[in-house]
Amino acid sequence: MNLSTAFNNAVSGLTAARRGTSVVSDNIANARTPGYARRSLELTTNVISGTGVRTVGVIRNQDPVLTANRRATDADLAYQTAVSNFHAGVESVVGTADDPTSLAARLAGFDSSLITAASLPDSSERLDQVARTGRDLAESINRASESVRQLRSDADRTIGKQVYSLNQTLKEIEKLNAKIPSVKHSGGDIAALLDQRQVLVDQVNALVPVNAVPRANDQVSLYSDGGLILLERTAAEFSFTTTGDTKPHMTVGNGLLSGLEMNGNPVRTSGDNAQVRGGALMANFEIRDELAVEAQANLDSVARDLIERFETPGLDPTALPTDPGLFTDAGNRFDATAPEGLASRINLNTVVDPDNGGGSWRLRGGLGAVASGDLGDATQLQAFGAVLNAARPVAGSPFGTGDMRASDLTEAPMSDIGSNAHTASQRLIFANNAQLEMARIEAEQGVDTDQELQTLMEIEQAYAANARVISAVDELMETLLRL
């Protein structure tokens, strides 16, 4: 080996060490940066001179299988979070078994006030208490219905925001796909662009689970788990019209709510054949079109039973067959052809509500009575209490076909809602743990700062050794010149 060869070898070693230091410092600086993949320096023998070291390039280390598995848990977590939040929201307004403001507690309070009033029918205070507890019961059903409607409206608005975000993100990925080959062919470093694209793909995946397929020139295509082509050279465009303020009777089927379209074609958003299967977008469609509709139907069933019980023929001899009962549909008798949302319209008949111009004495004398009658007669109050506790068939009940008391019917949706909330919470916990575990495993494959520091020390030693070679060559050259 001559001196020039030794010098050139040492210089190439210094260059590689300098480049390696830059790579390691970049890794350490971005150890917690989302989407960042660890870089490593690829070195090889200089094939031109046959000696020294040559830097081939910087490798972006990423395990596509591990990333795909982590994305699956990300999407499931987004889905379970939305569904769990919905069930928790419904449970908070319907109440639990030990909640004094629950539907069951309100009904129990109304039943108790009827018994108390029947024991002393001439007490106007006790009759007023019956009217107040009856109004509280109706209003608690109204509030529960309104809360379900609000949750459904929130889901509709969230879908609109998510569709906008989805379109924007897909466009950004399309732009990066076009930019990456251009930068690479001009000799630039594309690793940062690949990191940025991975973050964007993760954002799409949280809304619609995707399969990322590598293409030529470091580009990528995206497909949904349900078979939609989200990105293949050009990004797909989704469309959705936000309704915002939904009503119980609105559905996609009757055209009052918007469905999802991609490039002008309808997209299936529910069921096993959903084309946006999993993720936050499907969860919000499920909330709007299924879960909220089911919760509203359960509340409507409770309201219908309460109204129909007090319209039982012969229950109140003073009332005409066409008169509404103790509870009404916005002042009217129950009408099977009325639109959905009965729970939002149920109220106490104003003729017995002293706070709305009525007289609570009609609870004792009858809703159609023109005079208070015998102050000590508790017959009508006892009849109201008896019909409230009578087991009767419930038309269109979602809780089974057996005869049910009013208390059974208020406890049934509470039980279902509580069970759904508990199940959704357990699934959310599982999804969260799975996501954390996959994120941990992926992080282990990422930047290990301890390992990077060890590598940095090795580079430092290599740099010092190459510098020493140059120093030795310099000393030899000076010796030769002195000869």
Foldseek 3Di string as FASTA:
>chain_A
DDLVLLLVQLVLLLVVLVVQLVLLVVQVVCLPPALAFRKGWDKDADPVVRHHIDTPDIDRDDDLVLLLLLLVLLLQLQLLVLLLVLLVQLCVLQDAPPDCLHLLNLLVQLLVLLVVCLVQLLDQVSLLSNQVSQQSNLVSLLVSLVSLQLSLLVLLVVLVVLLVLLQVLQQVLLVLLVVQLVCVVVPHDCSVSSSVNSVSLSSNSQAFNWDWDADPSRHIWIAGPLGRGQDDSHGKHKDADRPNRDDLQDAVVVVRGTAMDIPRHGFALDDPNGRRPTHNNSSSVCSNHPVSNVLQVLSLLLLLLVFVLQLPPPLFVLDDNQAGGQKDQQRGHDDPPDGGDSSNRIGGHLQLNVVNVHNSLCCQVPSNDPDSPDSSHSSSSVSSSCSQQDFDARPPHPQDGGTDHSSRSSVRSSVVSVVSSVVSVVSSVVSVVSSVVSVVVSSVSRRDSVVSVVVSVVSVVSSVVSVVSVVVSVVVVVVVVVD
